[in-house]
mmCIF file of all heavy atoms, coordinates in Angstrom:
data_MODEL
# 
_entry.id   MODEL 
# 
loop_
_atom_site.group_PDB 
_atom_site.id 
_atom_site.type_symbol 
_atom_site.label_atom_id 
_atom_site.label_alt_id 
_atom_site.label_comp_id 
_atom_site.label_asym_id 
_atom_site.label_entity_id 
_atom_site.label_seq_id 
_atom_site.pdbx_PDB_ins_code 
_atom_site.Cartn_x 
_atom_site.Cartn_y 
_atom_site.Cartn_z 
_atom_site.occupancy 
_atom_site.B_iso_or_equiv 
_atom_site.pdbx_formal_charge 
_atom_site.auth_seq_id 
_atom_site.auth_comp_id 
_atom_site.auth_asym_id 
_atom_site.auth_atom_id 
_atom_site.pdbx_PDB_model_num 
ATOM 1   N N   . PHE A 1 1  ? 4.919   -14.271 79.682  1.00 0.00 ? 1  PHE A N   1 
ATOM 2   C CA  . PHE A 1 1  ? 3.469   -14.199 79.491  1.00 0.00 ? 1  PHE A CA  1 
ATOM 3   C C   . PHE A 1 1  ? 2.892   -15.530 79.013  1.00 0.00 ? 1  PHE A C   1 
ATOM 4   O O   . PHE A 1 1  ? 1.922   -16.029 79.602  1.00 0.00 ? 1  PHE A O   1 
ATOM 5   C CB  . PHE A 1 1  ? 3.096   -13.064 78.538  1.00 0.00 ? 1  PHE A CB  1 
ATOM 6   C CG  . PHE A 1 1  ? 1.616   -12.882 78.401  1.00 0.00 ? 1  PHE A CG  1 
ATOM 7   C CD1 . PHE A 1 1  ? 0.897   -12.205 79.374  1.00 0.00 ? 1  PHE A CD1 1 
ATOM 8   C CD2 . PHE A 1 1  ? 0.933   -13.413 77.324  1.00 0.00 ? 1  PHE A CD2 1 
ATOM 9   C CE1 . PHE A 1 1  ? -0.474  -12.058 79.262  1.00 0.00 ? 1  PHE A CE1 1 
ATOM 10  C CE2 . PHE A 1 1  ? -0.431  -13.265 77.208  1.00 0.00 ? 1  PHE A CE2 1 
ATOM 11  C CZ  . PHE A 1 1  ? -1.138  -12.579 78.182  1.00 0.00 ? 1  PHE A CZ  1 
ATOM 12  N N   . PRO A 1 2  ? 3.461   -16.168 77.973  1.00 0.00 ? 2  PRO A N   1 
ATOM 13  C CA  . PRO A 1 2  ? 2.911   -17.468 77.563  1.00 0.00 ? 2  PRO A CA  1 
ATOM 14  C C   . PRO A 1 2  ? 2.962   -18.514 78.676  1.00 0.00 ? 2  PRO A C   1 
ATOM 15  O O   . PRO A 1 2  ? 2.053   -19.330 78.814  1.00 0.00 ? 2  PRO A O   1 
ATOM 16  C CB  . PRO A 1 2  ? 3.787   -17.886 76.380  1.00 0.00 ? 2  PRO A CB  1 
ATOM 17  C CG  . PRO A 1 2  ? 4.386   -16.635 75.875  1.00 0.00 ? 2  PRO A CG  1 
ATOM 18  C CD  . PRO A 1 2  ? 4.514   -15.718 77.053  1.00 0.00 ? 2  PRO A CD  1 
ATOM 19  N N   . ALA A 1 3  ? 4.031   -18.474 79.485  1.00 0.00 ? 3  ALA A N   1 
ATOM 20  C CA  . ALA A 1 3  ? 4.144   -19.442 80.571  1.00 0.00 ? 3  ALA A CA  1 
ATOM 21  C C   . ALA A 1 3  ? 3.094   -19.194 81.647  1.00 0.00 ? 3  ALA A C   1 
ATOM 22  O O   . ALA A 1 3  ? 2.506   -20.140 82.179  1.00 0.00 ? 3  ALA A O   1 
ATOM 23  C CB  . ALA A 1 3  ? 5.548   -19.383 81.177  1.00 0.00 ? 3  ALA A CB  1 
ATOM 24  N N   . VAL A 1 4  ? 2.838   -17.937 81.968  1.00 0.00 ? 4  VAL A N   1 
ATOM 25  C CA  . VAL A 1 4  ? 1.818   -17.607 82.972  1.00 0.00 ? 4  VAL A CA  1 
ATOM 26  C C   . VAL A 1 4  ? 0.436   -18.011 82.472  1.00 0.00 ? 4  VAL A C   1 
ATOM 27  O O   . VAL A 1 4  ? -0.359  -18.594 83.215  1.00 0.00 ? 4  VAL A O   1 
ATOM 28  C CB  . VAL A 1 4  ? 1.871   -16.109 83.333  1.00 0.00 ? 4  VAL A CB  1 
ATOM 29  C CG1 . VAL A 1 4  ? 0.657   -15.693 84.144  1.00 0.00 ? 4  VAL A CG1 1 
ATOM 30  C CG2 . VAL A 1 4  ? 3.146   -15.795 84.097  1.00 0.00 ? 4  VAL A CG2 1 
ATOM 31  N N   . ILE A 1 5  ? 0.138   -17.729 81.225  1.00 0.00 ? 5  ILE A N   1 
ATOM 32  C CA  . ILE A 1 5  ? -1.170  -18.101 80.664  1.00 0.00 ? 5  ILE A CA  1 
ATOM 33  C C   . ILE A 1 5  ? -1.327  -19.617 80.658  1.00 0.00 ? 5  ILE A C   1 
ATOM 34  O O   . ILE A 1 5  ? -2.390  -20.152 80.981  1.00 0.00 ? 5  ILE A O   1 
ATOM 35  C CB  . ILE A 1 5  ? -1.333  -17.521 79.242  1.00 0.00 ? 5  ILE A CB  1 
ATOM 36  C CG1 . ILE A 1 5  ? -1.420  -15.991 79.315  1.00 0.00 ? 5  ILE A CG1 1 
ATOM 37  C CG2 . ILE A 1 5  ? -2.554  -18.088 78.552  1.00 0.00 ? 5  ILE A CG2 1 
ATOM 38  C CD1 . ILE A 1 5  ? -2.575  -15.454 80.146  1.00 0.00 ? 5  ILE A CD1 1 
ATOM 39  N N   . ALA A 1 6  ? -0.265  -20.348 80.315  1.00 0.00 ? 6  ALA A N   1 
ATOM 40  C CA  . ALA A 1 6  ? -0.335  -21.815 80.325  1.00 0.00 ? 6  ALA A CA  1 
ATOM 41  C C   . ALA A 1 6  ? -0.621  -22.316 81.734  1.00 0.00 ? 6  ALA A C   1 
ATOM 42  O O   . ALA A 1 6  ? -1.427  -23.230 81.917  1.00 0.00 ? 6  ALA A O   1 
ATOM 43  C CB  . ALA A 1 6  ? 0.970   -22.408 79.801  1.00 0.00 ? 6  ALA A CB  1 
ATOM 44  N N   . ARG A 1 7  ? 0.015   -21.714 82.754  1.00 0.00 ? 7  ARG A N   1 
ATOM 45  C CA  . ARG A 1 7  ? -0.252  -22.119 84.141  1.00 0.00 ? 7  ARG A CA  1 
ATOM 46  C C   . ARG A 1 7  ? -1.678  -21.802 84.547  1.00 0.00 ? 7  ARG A C   1 
ATOM 47  O O   . ARG A 1 7  ? -2.306  -22.572 85.277  1.00 0.00 ? 7  ARG A O   1 
ATOM 48  C CB  . ARG A 1 7  ? 0.711   -21.434 85.094  1.00 0.00 ? 7  ARG A CB  1 
ATOM 49  C CG  . ARG A 1 7  ? 1.988   -22.175 85.271  1.00 0.00 ? 7  ARG A CG  1 
ATOM 50  C CD  . ARG A 1 7  ? 2.665   -21.758 86.537  1.00 0.00 ? 7  ARG A CD  1 
ATOM 51  N NE  . ARG A 1 7  ? 3.768   -22.663 86.816  1.00 0.00 ? 7  ARG A NE  1 
ATOM 52  C CZ  . ARG A 1 7  ? 4.427   -22.684 87.944  1.00 0.00 ? 7  ARG A CZ  1 
ATOM 53  N NH1 . ARG A 1 7  ? 4.114   -21.859 88.894  1.00 0.00 ? 7  ARG A NH1 1 
ATOM 54  N NH2 . ARG A 1 7  ? 5.406   -23.519 88.121  1.00 0.00 ? 7  ARG A NH2 1 
ATOM 55  N N   . LEU A 1 8  ? -2.203  -20.674 84.098  1.00 0.00 ? 8  LEU A N   1 
ATOM 56  C CA  . LEU A 1 8  ? -3.594  -20.339 84.414  1.00 0.00 ? 8  LEU A CA  1 
ATOM 57  C C   . LEU A 1 8  ? -4.553  -21.347 83.793  1.00 0.00 ? 8  LEU A C   1 
ATOM 58  O O   . LEU A 1 8  ? -5.521  -21.771 84.428  1.00 0.00 ? 8  LEU A O   1 
ATOM 59  C CB  . LEU A 1 8  ? -3.936  -18.928 83.920  1.00 0.00 ? 8  LEU A CB  1 
ATOM 60  C CG  . LEU A 1 8  ? -3.341  -17.777 84.703  1.00 0.00 ? 8  LEU A CG  1 
ATOM 61  C CD1 . LEU A 1 8  ? -3.617  -16.464 83.986  1.00 0.00 ? 8  LEU A CD1 1 
ATOM 62  C CD2 . LEU A 1 8  ? -3.891  -17.742 86.108  1.00 0.00 ? 8  LEU A CD2 1 
ATOM 63  N N   . ILE A 1 9  ? -4.287  -21.737 82.561  1.00 0.00 ? 9  ILE A N   1 
ATOM 64  C CA  . ILE A 1 9  ? -5.154  -22.710 81.885  1.00 0.00 ? 9  ILE A CA  1 
ATOM 65  C C   . ILE A 1 9  ? -5.092  -24.052 82.596  1.00 0.00 ? 9  ILE A C   1 
ATOM 66  O O   . ILE A 1 9  ? -6.123  -24.677 82.863  1.00 0.00 ? 9  ILE A O   1 
ATOM 67  C CB  . ILE A 1 9  ? -4.754  -22.830 80.403  1.00 0.00 ? 9  ILE A CB  1 
ATOM 68  C CG1 . ILE A 1 9  ? -5.127  -21.544 79.662  1.00 0.00 ? 9  ILE A CG1 1 
ATOM 69  C CG2 . ILE A 1 9  ? -5.424  -24.041 79.757  1.00 0.00 ? 9  ILE A CG2 1 
ATOM 70  C CD1 . ILE A 1 9  ? -4.567  -21.455 78.256  1.00 0.00 ? 9  ILE A CD1 1 
ATOM 71  N N   . VAL A 1 10 ? -3.889  -24.507 82.927  1.00 0.00 ? 10 VAL A N   1 
ATOM 72  C CA  . VAL A 1 10 ? -3.744  -25.789 83.623  1.00 0.00 ? 10 VAL A CA  1 
ATOM 73  C C   . VAL A 1 10 ? -4.425  -25.731 84.983  1.00 0.00 ? 10 VAL A C   1 
ATOM 74  O O   . VAL A 1 10 ? -5.093  -26.676 85.399  1.00 0.00 ? 10 VAL A O   1 
ATOM 75  C CB  . VAL A 1 10 ? -2.256  -26.162 83.767  1.00 0.00 ? 10 VAL A CB  1 
ATOM 76  C CG1 . VAL A 1 10 ? -2.075  -27.326 84.712  1.00 0.00 ? 10 VAL A CG1 1 
ATOM 77  C CG2 . VAL A 1 10 ? -1.679  -26.501 82.407  1.00 0.00 ? 10 VAL A CG2 1 
ATOM 78  N N   . GLY A 1 11 ? -4.278  -24.611 85.694  1.00 0.00 ? 11 GLY A N   1 
ATOM 79  C CA  . GLY A 1 11 ? -4.944  -24.454 86.983  1.00 0.00 ? 11 GLY A CA  1 
ATOM 80  C C   . GLY A 1 11 ? -6.453  -24.540 86.869  1.00 0.00 ? 11 GLY A C   1 
ATOM 81  O O   . GLY A 1 11 ? -7.118  -25.139 87.708  1.00 0.00 ? 11 GLY A O   1 
ATOM 82  N N   . GLY A 1 12 ? -7.013  -23.970 85.798  1.00 0.00 ? 12 GLY A N   1 
ATOM 83  C CA  . GLY A 1 12 ? -8.452  -24.066 85.577  1.00 0.00 ? 12 GLY A CA  1 
ATOM 84  C C   . GLY A 1 12 ? -8.896  -25.480 85.309  1.00 0.00 ? 12 GLY A C   1 
ATOM 85  O O   . GLY A 1 12 ? -9.954  -25.913 85.770  1.00 0.00 ? 12 GLY A O   1 
ATOM 86  N N   . VAL A 1 13 ? -8.077  -26.230 84.581  1.00 0.00 ? 13 VAL A N   1 
ATOM 87  C CA  . VAL A 1 13 ? -8.402  -27.628 84.304  1.00 0.00 ? 13 VAL A CA  1 
ATOM 88  C C   . VAL A 1 13 ? -8.382  -28.424 85.597  1.00 0.00 ? 13 VAL A C   1 
ATOM 89  O O   . VAL A 1 13 ? -9.266  -29.236 85.864  1.00 0.00 ? 13 VAL A O   1 
ATOM 90  C CB  . VAL A 1 13 ? -7.414  -28.227 83.267  1.00 0.00 ? 13 VAL A CB  1 
ATOM 91  C CG1 . VAL A 1 13 ? -7.582  -29.722 83.162  1.00 0.00 ? 13 VAL A CG1 1 
ATOM 92  C CG2 . VAL A 1 13 ? -7.614  -27.556 81.922  1.00 0.00 ? 13 VAL A CG2 1 
ATOM 93  N N   . VAL A 1 14 ? -7.382  -28.190 86.423  1.00 0.00 ? 14 VAL A N   1 
ATOM 94  C CA  . VAL A 1 14 ? -7.278  -28.911 87.694  1.00 0.00 ? 14 VAL A CA  1 
ATOM 95  C C   . VAL A 1 14 ? -8.464  -28.564 88.590  1.00 0.00 ? 14 VAL A C   1 
ATOM 96  O O   . VAL A 1 14 ? -9.062  -29.439 89.212  1.00 0.00 ? 14 VAL A O   1 
ATOM 97  C CB  . VAL A 1 14 ? -5.938  -28.596 88.400  1.00 0.00 ? 14 VAL A CB  1 
ATOM 98  C CG1 . VAL A 1 14 ? -5.926  -29.133 89.811  1.00 0.00 ? 14 VAL A CG1 1 
ATOM 99  C CG2 . VAL A 1 14 ? -4.788  -29.179 87.597  1.00 0.00 ? 14 VAL A CG2 1 
ATOM 100 N N   . GLU A 1 15 ? -8.824  -27.281 88.665  1.00 0.00 ? 15 GLU A N   1 
ATOM 101 C CA  . GLU A 1 15 ? -9.969  -26.877 89.488  1.00 0.00 ? 15 GLU A CA  1 
ATOM 102 C C   . GLU A 1 15 ? -11.260 -27.532 89.006  1.00 0.00 ? 15 GLU A C   1 
ATOM 103 O O   . GLU A 1 15 ? -12.100 -27.905 89.816  1.00 0.00 ? 15 GLU A O   1 
ATOM 104 C CB  . GLU A 1 15 ? -10.124 -25.362 89.464  1.00 0.00 ? 15 GLU A CB  1 
ATOM 105 C CG  . GLU A 1 15 ? -9.147  -24.640 90.344  1.00 0.00 ? 15 GLU A CG  1 
ATOM 106 C CD  . GLU A 1 15 ? -9.343  -23.141 90.307  1.00 0.00 ? 15 GLU A CD  1 
ATOM 107 O OE1 . GLU A 1 15 ? -10.261 -22.661 89.610  1.00 0.00 ? 15 GLU A OE1 1 
ATOM 108 O OE2 . GLU A 1 15 ? -8.571  -22.444 90.977  1.00 0.00 ? 15 GLU A OE2 1 
ATOM 109 N N   . SER A 1 16 ? -11.407 -27.694 87.693  1.00 0.00 ? 16 SER A N   1 
ATOM 110 C CA  . SER A 1 16 ? -12.631 -28.305 87.177  1.00 0.00 ? 16 SER A CA  1 
ATOM 111 C C   . SER A 1 16 ? -12.685 -29.794 87.489  1.00 0.00 ? 16 SER A C   1 
ATOM 112 O O   . SER A 1 16 ? -13.752 -30.393 87.495  1.00 0.00 ? 16 SER A O   1 
ATOM 113 C CB  . SER A 1 16 ? -12.758 -28.080 85.673  1.00 0.00 ? 16 SER A CB  1 
ATOM 114 O OG  . SER A 1 16 ? -11.789 -28.829 84.979  1.00 0.00 ? 16 SER A OG  1 
ATOM 115 N N   . MET A 1 17 ? -11.517 -30.411 87.765  1.00 0.00 ? 17 MET A N   1 
ATOM 116 C CA  . MET A 1 17 ? -11.492 -31.837 88.063  1.00 0.00 ? 17 MET A CA  1 
ATOM 117 C C   . MET A 1 17 ? -11.700 -32.129 89.542  1.00 0.00 ? 17 MET A C   1 
ATOM 118 O O   . MET A 1 17 ? -11.948 -33.265 89.918  1.00 0.00 ? 17 MET A O   1 
ATOM 119 C CB  . MET A 1 17 ? -10.156 -32.443 87.616  1.00 0.00 ? 17 MET A CB  1 
ATOM 120 C CG  . MET A 1 17 ? -10.010 -32.467 86.119  1.00 0.00 ? 17 MET A CG  1 
ATOM 121 S SD  . MET A 1 17 ? -8.460  -33.100 85.459  1.00 0.00 ? 17 MET A SD  1 
ATOM 122 C CE  . MET A 1 17 ? -7.519  -33.657 86.791  1.00 0.00 ? 17 MET A CE  1 
ATOM 123 N N   . VAL A 1 18 ? -11.579 -31.121 90.385  1.00 0.00 ? 18 VAL A N   1 
ATOM 124 C CA  . VAL A 1 18 ? -11.741 -31.332 91.825  1.00 0.00 ? 18 VAL A CA  1 
ATOM 125 C C   . VAL A 1 18 ? -13.213 -31.579 92.124  1.00 0.00 ? 18 VAL A C   1 
ATOM 126 O O   . VAL A 1 18 ? -14.084 -30.826 91.724  1.00 0.00 ? 18 VAL A O   1 
ATOM 127 C CB  . VAL A 1 18 ? -11.229 -30.117 92.621  1.00 0.00 ? 18 VAL A CB  1 
ATOM 128 C CG1 . VAL A 1 18 ? -11.533 -30.267 94.093  1.00 0.00 ? 18 VAL A CG1 1 
ATOM 129 C CG2 . VAL A 1 18 ? -9.742  -29.957 92.398  1.00 0.00 ? 18 VAL A CG2 1 
ATOM 130 N N   . VAL A 1 19 ? -13.480 -32.668 92.831  1.00 0.00 ? 19 VAL A N   1 
ATOM 131 C CA  . VAL A 1 19 ? -14.853 -33.066 93.121  1.00 0.00 ? 19 VAL A CA  1 
ATOM 132 C C   . VAL A 1 19 ? -15.008 -33.206 94.632  1.00 0.00 ? 19 VAL A C   1 
ATOM 133 O O   . VAL A 1 19 ? -14.143 -33.729 95.312  1.00 0.00 ? 19 VAL A O   1 
ATOM 134 C CB  . VAL A 1 19 ? -15.175 -34.415 92.435  1.00 0.00 ? 19 VAL A CB  1 
ATOM 135 C CG1 . VAL A 1 19 ? -16.578 -34.857 92.753  1.00 0.00 ? 19 VAL A CG1 1 
ATOM 136 C CG2 . VAL A 1 19 ? -14.958 -34.309 90.949  1.00 0.00 ? 19 VAL A CG2 1 
ATOM 137 N N   . ASP A 1 20 ? -16.149 -32.753 95.159  1.00 0.00 ? 20 ASP A N   1 
ATOM 138 C CA  . ASP A 1 20 ? -16.419 -32.859 96.593  1.00 0.00 ? 20 ASP A CA  1 
ATOM 139 C C   . ASP A 1 20 ? -17.262 -34.083 96.933  1.00 0.00 ? 20 ASP A C   1 
ATOM 140 O O   . ASP A 1 20 ? -17.609 -34.281 98.087  1.00 0.00 ? 20 ASP A O   1 
ATOM 141 C CB  . ASP A 1 20 ? -17.145 -31.604 97.087  1.00 0.00 ? 20 ASP A CB  1 
ATOM 142 C CG  . ASP A 1 20 ? -16.224 -30.405 97.139  1.00 0.00 ? 20 ASP A CG  1 
ATOM 143 O OD1 . ASP A 1 20 ? -15.012 -30.608 97.263  1.00 0.00 ? 20 ASP A OD1 1 
ATOM 144 O OD2 . ASP A 1 20 ? -16.724 -29.274 97.059  1.00 0.00 ? 20 ASP A OD2 1 
ATOM 145 N N   . ASP A 1 21 ? -17.575 -34.892 95.957  1.00 0.00 ? 21 ASP A N   1 
ATOM 146 C CA  . ASP A 1 21 ? -18.417 -36.067 96.169  1.00 0.00 ? 21 ASP A CA  1 
ATOM 147 C C   . ASP A 1 21 ? -17.583 -37.175 96.810  1.00 0.00 ? 21 ASP A C   1 
ATOM 148 O O   . ASP A 1 21 ? -16.660 -37.717 96.198  1.00 0.00 ? 21 ASP A O   1 
ATOM 149 C CB  . ASP A 1 21 ? -18.994 -36.520 94.833  1.00 0.00 ? 21 ASP A CB  1 
ATOM 150 C CG  . ASP A 1 21 ? -19.953 -37.683 94.977  1.00 0.00 ? 21 ASP A CG  1 
ATOM 151 O OD1 . ASP A 1 21 ? -20.371 -37.969 96.107  1.00 0.00 ? 21 ASP A OD1 1 
ATOM 152 O OD2 . ASP A 1 21 ? -20.275 -38.301 93.940  1.00 0.00 ? 21 ASP A OD2 1 
ATOM 153 N N   . GLU A 1 22 ? -17.897 -37.532 98.049  1.00 0.00 ? 22 GLU A N   1 
ATOM 154 C CA  . GLU A 1 22 ? -17.117 -38.527 98.793  1.00 0.00 ? 22 GLU A CA  1 
ATOM 155 C C   . GLU A 1 22 ? -17.128 -39.898 98.108  1.00 0.00 ? 22 GLU A C   1 
ATOM 156 O O   . GLU A 1 22 ? -16.116 -40.587 98.066  1.00 0.00 ? 22 GLU A O   1 
ATOM 157 C CB  . GLU A 1 22 ? -17.647 -38.656 100.224 1.00 0.00 ? 22 GLU A CB  1 
ATOM 158 C CG  . GLU A 1 22 ? -17.339 -37.473 101.099 1.00 0.00 ? 22 GLU A CG  1 
ATOM 159 C CD  . GLU A 1 22 ? -15.854 -37.332 101.385 1.00 0.00 ? 22 GLU A CD  1 
ATOM 160 O OE1 . GLU A 1 22 ? -15.167 -38.361 101.516 1.00 0.00 ? 22 GLU A OE1 1 
ATOM 161 O OE2 . GLU A 1 22 ? -15.386 -36.191 101.456 1.00 0.00 ? 22 GLU A OE2 1 
ATOM 162 N N   . ALA A 1 23 ? -18.282 -40.297 97.584  1.00 0.00 ? 23 ALA A N   1 
ATOM 163 C CA  . ALA A 1 23 ? -18.373 -41.614 96.929  1.00 0.00 ? 23 ALA A CA  1 
ATOM 164 C C   . ALA A 1 23 ? -17.465 -41.668 95.704  1.00 0.00 ? 23 ALA A C   1 
ATOM 165 O O   . ALA A 1 23 ? -16.760 -42.666 95.479  1.00 0.00 ? 23 ALA A O   1 
ATOM 166 C CB  . ALA A 1 23 ? -19.814 -41.903 96.536  1.00 0.00 ? 23 ALA A CB  1 
ATOM 167 N N   . MET A 1 24 ? -17.449 -40.596 94.931  1.00 0.00 ? 24 MET A N   1 
ATOM 168 C CA  . MET A 1 24 ? -16.614 -40.573 93.734  1.00 0.00 ? 24 MET A CA  1 
ATOM 169 C C   . MET A 1 24 ? -15.133 -40.585 94.125  1.00 0.00 ? 24 MET A C   1 
ATOM 170 O O   . MET A 1 24 ? -14.319 -41.260 93.485  1.00 0.00 ? 24 MET A O   1 
ATOM 171 C CB  . MET A 1 24 ? -16.908 -39.347 92.875  1.00 0.00 ? 24 MET A CB  1 
ATOM 172 C CG  . MET A 1 24 ? -16.116 -39.323 91.579  1.00 0.00 ? 24 MET A CG  1 
ATOM 173 S SD  . MET A 1 24 ? -16.507 -37.929 90.530  1.00 0.00 ? 24 MET A SD  1 
ATOM 174 C CE  . MET A 1 24 ? -18.061 -38.471 89.852  1.00 0.00 ? 24 MET A CE  1 
ATOM 175 N N   . ILE A 1 25 ? -14.786 -39.884 95.197  1.00 0.00 ? 25 ILE A N   1 
ATOM 176 C CA  . ILE A 1 25 ? -13.400 -39.869 95.654  1.00 0.00 ? 25 ILE A CA  1 
ATOM 177 C C   . ILE A 1 25 ? -12.975 -41.264 96.088  1.00 0.00 ? 25 ILE A C   1 
ATOM 178 O O   . ILE A 1 25 ? -11.872 -41.720 95.764  1.00 0.00 ? 25 ILE A O   1 
ATOM 179 C CB  . ILE A 1 25 ? -13.211 -38.837 96.787  1.00 0.00 ? 25 ILE A CB  1 
ATOM 180 C CG1 . ILE A 1 25 ? -13.378 -37.430 96.223  1.00 0.00 ? 25 ILE A CG1 1 
ATOM 181 C CG2 . ILE A 1 25 ? -11.854 -38.998 97.453  1.00 0.00 ? 25 ILE A CG2 1 
ATOM 182 C CD1 . ILE A 1 25 ? -13.396 -36.339 97.261  1.00 0.00 ? 25 ILE A CD1 1 
ATOM 183 N N   . ARG A 1 26 ? -13.854 -41.967 96.811  1.00 0.00 ? 26 ARG A N   1 
ATOM 184 C CA  . ARG A 1 26 ? -13.529 -43.341 97.232  1.00 0.00 ? 26 ARG A CA  1 
ATOM 185 C C   . ARG A 1 26 ? -13.325 -44.238 96.019  1.00 0.00 ? 26 ARG A C   1 
ATOM 186 O O   . ARG A 1 26 ? -12.411 -45.069 95.987  1.00 0.00 ? 26 ARG A O   1 
ATOM 187 C CB  . ARG A 1 26 ? -14.628 -43.895 98.132  1.00 0.00 ? 26 ARG A CB  1 
ATOM 188 C CG  . ARG A 1 26 ? -14.542 -43.410 99.575  1.00 0.00 ? 26 ARG A CG  1 
ATOM 189 C CD  . ARG A 1 26 ? -15.443 -44.217 100.491 1.00 0.00 ? 26 ARG A CD  1 
ATOM 190 N NE  . ARG A 1 26 ? -16.851 -44.145 100.143 1.00 0.00 ? 26 ARG A NE  1 
ATOM 191 C CZ  . ARG A 1 26 ? -17.674 -43.151 100.524 1.00 0.00 ? 26 ARG A CZ  1 
ATOM 192 N NH1 . ARG A 1 26 ? -17.227 -42.173 101.273 1.00 0.00 ? 26 ARG A NH1 1 
ATOM 193 N NH2 . ARG A 1 26 ? -18.935 -43.171 100.170 1.00 0.00 ? 26 ARG A NH2 1 
ATOM 194 N N   . GLU A 1 27 ? -14.177 -44.095 94.990  1.00 0.00 ? 27 GLU A N   1 
ATOM 195 C CA  . GLU A 1 27 ? -14.037 -44.889 93.773  1.00 0.00 ? 27 GLU A CA  1 
ATOM 196 C C   . GLU A 1 27 ? -12.719 -44.579 93.070  1.00 0.00 ? 27 GLU A C   1 
ATOM 197 O O   . GLU A 1 27 ? -12.043 -45.490 92.574  1.00 0.00 ? 27 GLU A O   1 
ATOM 198 C CB  . GLU A 1 27 ? -15.198 -44.614 92.828  1.00 0.00 ? 27 GLU A CB  1 
ATOM 199 C CG  . GLU A 1 27 ? -16.521 -45.182 93.291  1.00 0.00 ? 27 GLU A CG  1 
ATOM 200 C CD  . GLU A 1 27 ? -17.671 -44.791 92.373  1.00 0.00 ? 27 GLU A CD  1 
ATOM 201 O OE1 . GLU A 1 27 ? -17.408 -44.272 91.265  1.00 0.00 ? 27 GLU A OE1 1 
ATOM 202 O OE2 . GLU A 1 27 ? -18.826 -44.989 92.771  1.00 0.00 ? 27 GLU A OE2 1 
# 
């Protein structure tokens, strides 16, 4: 359970960092 919750939290952090802005991706 702690490992699954840790993966869920990390996945949420990664999802929040994903950006669709092409200019920002190029930078």
